[in-house]
Amino acid sequence: MEERQLKKERNPHLLDDRVPFHRRISYALTDTGGNLLYCIISSYLLYFYTDVFGLSVGVAGTLLLIARLVDAVDAPIWGMIIDRTKSKYGQSRPYFLWMSIPFAVFTILTFVTPNLDGNTKIAYAATTYILAGICYTGIATPIT
């Protein structure tokens, strides 16, 4: 009881410690939009790599596995970067702003089919998808 009283004395406009419902919903919707987009990309990508881009099923599956392994490493790194961020826009907001354009570019490049052969095609697919995943992690980590 004393803690609430102290908070109220410091900020007389603070009526309650609870987060309003509309703010909880808007917080949830930010991650929902990103997850919908990422789930659509992830579920279509195997079909795209095999039937459109012409990679074998084994190579496409291996690329998806490698991307998840890279994600297991880059997520904690993004967390440390964001924890150390101090900007006039706040701790997390710069990453929504700065990473949205690279994410869009690499996502588009993931679904572009240049006329490449053999290992170059595999390297292109791996690079664009992994970089799109790293950019997505940079956007999604501040939310979670």
C-alpha atoms as a PDB file:
ATOM      1  CA  MET A   1       0.000   0.000   0.000  1.00  0.00           C
ATOM      2  CA  GLU A   2       2.815   2.398   0.812  1.00  0.00           C
ATOM      3  CA  GLU A   3       4.464   1.794  -2.567  1.00  0.00           C
ATOM      4  CA  ARG A   4       1.300   2.836  -4.439  1.00  0.00           C
ATOM      5  CA  GLN A   5       1.000   5.915  -2.284  1.00  0.00           C
ATOM      6  CA  LEU A   6       4.610   6.905  -3.044  1.00  0.00           C
ATOM      7  CA  LYS A   7       4.031   6.439  -6.786  1.00  0.00           C
ATOM      8  CA  LYS A   8       0.868   8.519  -6.593  1.00  0.00           C
ATOM      9  CA  GLU A   9       2.708  11.271  -4.721  1.00  0.00           C
ATOM     10  CA  ARG A  10       5.483  11.335  -7.358  1.00  0.00           C
ATOM     11  CA  ASN A  11       2.982  11.371 -10.207  1.00  0.00           C
ATOM     12  CA  PRO A  12      -0.483  12.577  -9.164  1.00  0.00           C
ATOM     13  CA  HIS A  13      -1.881  11.665 -12.594  1.00  0.00           C
ATOM     14  CA  LEU A  14      -1.111   7.989 -12.007  1.00  0.00           C
ATOM     15  CA  LEU A  15      -4.389   6.443 -10.933  1.00  0.00           C
ATOM     16  CA  ASP A  16      -3.532   2.785 -11.279  1.00  0.00           C
ATOM     17  CA  ASP A  17      -0.531   0.521 -11.878  1.00  0.00           C
ATOM     18  CA  ARG A  18      -2.296  -1.508 -14.556  1.00  0.00           C
ATOM     19  CA  VAL A  19      -1.677  -1.054 -18.267  1.00  0.00           C
ATOM     20  CA  PRO A  20      -4.877   0.040 -20.046  1.00  0.00           C
ATOM     21  CA  PHE A  21      -6.588  -2.566 -22.219  1.00  0.00           C
ATOM     22  CA  HIS A  22      -6.151  -0.588 -25.462  1.00  0.00           C
ATOM     23  CA  ARG A  23      -2.396  -0.402 -24.890  1.00  0.00           C
ATOM     24  CA  ARG A  24      -2.175  -4.144 -24.271  1.00  0.00           C
ATOM     25  CA  ILE A  25      -4.091  -4.802 -27.500  1.00  0.00           C
ATOM     26  CA  SER A  26      -1.917  -2.422 -29.558  1.00  0.00           C
ATOM     27  CA  TYR A  27       1.233  -4.039 -28.126  1.00  0.00           C
ATOM     28  CA  ALA A  28      -0.074  -7.483 -29.094  1.00  0.00           C
ATOM     29  CA  LEU A  29      -1.035  -6.348 -32.592  1.00  0.00           C
ATOM     30  CA  THR A  30       2.483  -5.127 -33.399  1.00  0.00           C
ATOM     31  CA  ASP A  31       3.874  -8.624 -33.044  1.00  0.00           C
ATOM     32  CA  THR A  32       0.822 -10.216 -34.669  1.00  0.00           C
ATOM     33  CA  GLY A  33       1.381  -8.361 -37.939  1.00  0.00           C
ATOM     34  CA  GLY A  34       5.031  -9.339 -38.086  1.00  0.00           C
ATOM     35  CA  ASN A  35       4.294 -12.963 -37.267  1.00  0.00           C
ATOM     36  CA  LEU A  36       1.583 -13.207 -39.922  1.00  0.00           C
ATOM     37  CA  LEU A  37       3.989 -11.915 -42.543  1.00  0.00           C
ATOM     38  CA  TYR A  38       6.825 -14.164 -41.403  1.00  0.00           C
ATOM     39  CA  CYS A  39       4.575 -17.275 -41.257  1.00  0.00           C
ATOM     40  CA  ILE A  40       3.348 -16.649 -44.799  1.00  0.00           C
ATOM     41  CA  ILE A  41       6.913 -16.249 -46.043  1.00  0.00           C
ATOM     42  CA  SER A  42       8.142 -19.338 -44.198  1.00  0.00           C
ATOM     43  CA  SER A  43       5.315 -21.597 -45.336  1.00  0.00           C
ATOM     44  CA  TYR A  44       5.575 -20.545 -49.007  1.00  0.00           C
ATOM     45  CA  LEU A  45       9.372 -20.515 -49.177  1.00  0.00           C
ATOM     46  CA  LEU A  46       9.968 -24.261 -49.487  1.00  0.00           C
ATOM     47  CA  TYR A  47       7.538 -24.450 -52.412  1.00  0.00           C
ATOM     48  CA  PHE A  48       9.149 -21.393 -53.989  1.00  0.00           C
ATOM     49  CA  TYR A  49      12.702 -22.706 -53.659  1.00  0.00           C
ATOM     50  CA  THR A  50      11.859 -26.129 -55.097  1.00  0.00           C
ATOM     51  CA  ASP A  51       9.233 -25.454 -57.766  1.00  0.00           C
ATOM     52  CA  VAL A  52       9.990 -21.882 -58.860  1.00  0.00           C
ATOM     53  CA  PHE A  53      13.680 -21.289 -58.154  1.00  0.00           C
ATOM     54  CA  GLY A  54      14.696 -24.851 -59.014  1.00  0.00           C
ATOM     55  CA  LEU A  55      16.584 -25.972 -55.918  1.00  0.00           C
ATOM     56  CA  SER A  56      16.414 -29.591 -54.821  1.00  0.00           C
ATOM     57  CA  VAL A  57      14.283 -30.434 -51.793  1.00  0.00           C
ATOM     58  CA  GLY A  58      17.368 -31.405 -49.789  1.00  0.00           C
ATOM     59  CA  VAL A  59      19.152 -28.137 -50.512  1.00  0.00           C
ATOM     60  CA  ALA A  60      16.040 -26.044 -49.775  1.00  0.00           C
ATOM     61  CA  GLY A  61      15.436 -27.870 -46.489  1.00  0.00           C
ATOM     62  CA  THR A  62      19.067 -27.458 -45.512  1.00  0.00           C
ATOM     63  CA  LEU A  63      18.863 -23.710 -46.219  1.00  0.00           C
ATOM     64  CA  LEU A  64      15.838 -23.430 -43.959  1.00  0.00           C
ATOM     65  CA  LEU A  65      17.664 -25.355 -41.221  1.00  0.00           C
ATOM     66  CA  ILE A  66      20.767 -23.180 -41.528  1.00  0.00           C
ATOM     67  CA  ALA A  67      18.595 -20.051 -41.327  1.00  0.00           C
ATOM     68  CA  ARG A  68      17.053 -21.281 -38.059  1.00  0.00           C
ATOM     69  CA  LEU A  69      20.497 -22.047 -36.636  1.00  0.00           C
ATOM     70  CA  VAL A  70      21.672 -18.542 -37.560  1.00  0.00           C
ATOM     71  CA  ASP A  71      18.532 -17.188 -35.914  1.00  0.00           C
ATOM     72  CA  ALA A  72      19.380 -19.051 -32.706  1.00  0.00           C
ATOM     73  CA  VAL A  73      22.670 -17.136 -32.630  1.00  0.00           C
ATOM     74  CA  ASP A  74      21.528 -13.727 -33.834  1.00  0.00           C
ATOM     75  CA  ALA A  75      18.517 -13.344 -31.507  1.00  0.00           C
ATOM     76  CA  PRO A  76      20.616 -13.071 -28.322  1.00  0.00           C
ATOM     77  CA  ILE A  77      23.005 -10.731 -30.132  1.00  0.00           C
ATOM     78  CA  TRP A  78      20.102  -8.471 -31.111  1.00  0.00           C
ATOM     79  CA  GLY A  79      18.945  -8.582 -27.490  1.00  0.00           C
ATOM     80  CA  MET A  80      22.322  -7.385 -26.264  1.00  0.00           C
ATOM     81  CA  ILE A  81      22.444  -4.641 -28.919  1.00  0.00           C
ATOM     82  CA  ILE A  82      18.973  -3.410 -28.025  1.00  0.00           C
ATOM     83  CA  ASP A  83      19.678  -3.536 -24.273  1.00  0.00           C
ATOM     84  CA  ARG A  84      22.674  -1.232 -24.800  1.00  0.00           C
ATOM     85  CA  THR A  85      20.841   1.218 -27.056  1.00  0.00           C
ATOM     86  CA  LYS A  86      20.355   4.727 -25.788  1.00  0.00           C
ATOM     87  CA  SER A  87      18.812   7.131 -28.260  1.00  0.00           C
ATOM     88  CA  LYS A  88      16.490  10.085 -28.223  1.00  0.00           C
ATOM     89  CA  TYR A  89      13.804   7.816 -29.744  1.00  0.00           C
ATOM     90  CA  GLY A  90      13.998   5.275 -26.934  1.00  0.00           C
ATOM     91  CA  GLN A  91      15.553   1.886 -26.597  1.00  0.00           C
ATOM     92  CA  SER A  92      13.500  -0.174 -29.078  1.00  0.00           C
ATOM     93  CA  ARG A  93      11.901   2.261 -31.495  1.00  0.00           C
ATOM     94  CA  PRO A  94      15.010   2.907 -33.623  1.00  0.00           C
ATOM     95  CA  TYR A  95      15.068  -0.741 -34.655  1.00  0.00           C
ATOM     96  CA  PHE A  96      11.493  -0.596 -35.940  1.00  0.00           C
ATOM     97  CA  LEU A  97      12.533   2.405 -38.015  1.00  0.00           C
ATOM     98  CA  TRP A  98      16.014   1.332 -39.124  1.00  0.00           C
ATOM     99  CA  MET A  99      15.372  -2.347 -39.844  1.00  0.00           C
ATOM    100  CA  SER A 100      12.093  -2.117 -41.757  1.00  0.00           C
ATOM    101  CA  ILE A 101      13.700  -1.038 -45.046  1.00  0.00           C
ATOM    102  CA  PRO A 102      16.480  -3.687 -45.051  1.00  0.00           C
ATOM    103  CA  PHE A 103      13.881  -6.309 -44.114  1.00  0.00           C
ATOM    104  CA  ALA A 104      11.682  -5.271 -47.041  1.00  0.00           C
ATOM    105  CA  VAL A 105      14.632  -5.264 -49.452  1.00  0.00           C
ATOM    106  CA  PHE A 106      15.946  -8.687 -48.425  1.00  0.00           C
ATOM    107  CA  THR A 107      12.452 -10.178 -48.374  1.00  0.00           C
ATOM    108  CA  ILE A 108      11.855  -8.989 -51.920  1.00  0.00           C
ATOM    109  CA  LEU A 109      15.284 -10.273 -52.979  1.00  0.00           C
ATOM    110  CA  THR A 110      14.441 -13.650 -51.409  1.00  0.00           C
ATOM    111  CA  PHE A 111      11.638 -14.041 -53.960  1.00  0.00           C
ATOM    112  CA  VAL A 112      13.519 -12.655 -56.959  1.00  0.00           C
ATOM    113  CA  THR A 113      14.780 -15.352 -59.307  1.00  0.00           C
ATOM    114  CA  PRO A 114      17.955 -14.241 -61.069  1.00  0.00           C
ATOM    115  CA  ASN A 115      19.345 -16.508 -63.769  1.00  0.00           C
ATOM    116  CA  LEU A 116      22.108 -18.208 -61.764  1.00  0.00           C
ATOM    117  CA  ASP A 117      23.684 -21.652 -61.941  1.00  0.00           C
ATOM    118  CA  GLY A 118      24.578 -24.292 -59.362  1.00  0.00           C
ATOM    119  CA  ASN A 119      26.315 -23.125 -56.226  1.00  0.00           C
ATOM    120  CA  THR A 120      25.760 -19.453 -57.047  1.00  0.00           C
ATOM    121  CA  LYS A 121      22.005 -20.043 -56.955  1.00  0.00           C
ATOM    122  CA  ILE A 122      22.311 -21.781 -53.583  1.00  0.00           C
ATOM    123  CA  ALA A 123      24.515 -19.002 -52.200  1.00  0.00           C
ATOM    124  CA  TYR A 124      22.059 -16.345 -53.415  1.00  0.00           C
ATOM    125  CA  ALA A 125      19.083 -18.127 -51.843  1.00  0.00           C
ATOM    126  CA  ALA A 126      20.931 -18.664 -48.565  1.00  0.00           C
ATOM    127  CA  THR A 127      22.247 -15.107 -48.354  1.00  0.00           C
ATOM    128  CA  THR A 128      18.970 -13.350 -49.100  1.00  0.00           C
ATOM    129  CA  TYR A 129      16.867 -15.554 -46.808  1.00  0.00           C
ATOM    130  CA  ILE A 130      19.320 -15.471 -43.913  1.00  0.00           C
ATOM    131  CA  LEU A 131      19.712 -11.687 -44.158  1.00  0.00           C
ATOM    132  CA  ALA A 132      15.922 -11.273 -44.295  1.00  0.00           C
ATOM    133  CA  GLY A 133      15.714 -13.416 -41.157  1.00  0.00           C
ATOM    134  CA  ILE A 134      18.367 -11.378 -39.371  1.00  0.00           C
ATOM    135  CA  CYS A 135      16.523  -8.169 -40.243  1.00  0.00           C
ATOM    136  CA  TYR A 136      13.217  -9.649 -39.047  1.00  0.00           C
ATOM    137  CA  THR A 137      14.843 -10.614 -35.748  1.00  0.00           C
ATOM    138  CA  GLY A 138      16.063  -7.029 -35.408  1.00  0.00           C
ATOM    139  CA  ILE A 139      12.472  -5.848 -35.777  1.00  0.00           C
ATOM    140  CA  ALA A 140      10.807  -8.540 -33.653  1.00  0.00           C
ATOM    141  CA  THR A 141      13.240  -8.693 -30.724  1.00  0.00           C
ATOM    142  CA  PRO A 142      12.336  -5.252 -29.304  1.00  0.00           C
ATOM    143  CA  ILE A 143       8.681  -6.297 -29.223  1.00  0.00           C
ATOM    144  CA  THR A 144       9.197  -9.499 -27.263  1.00  0.00           C
END
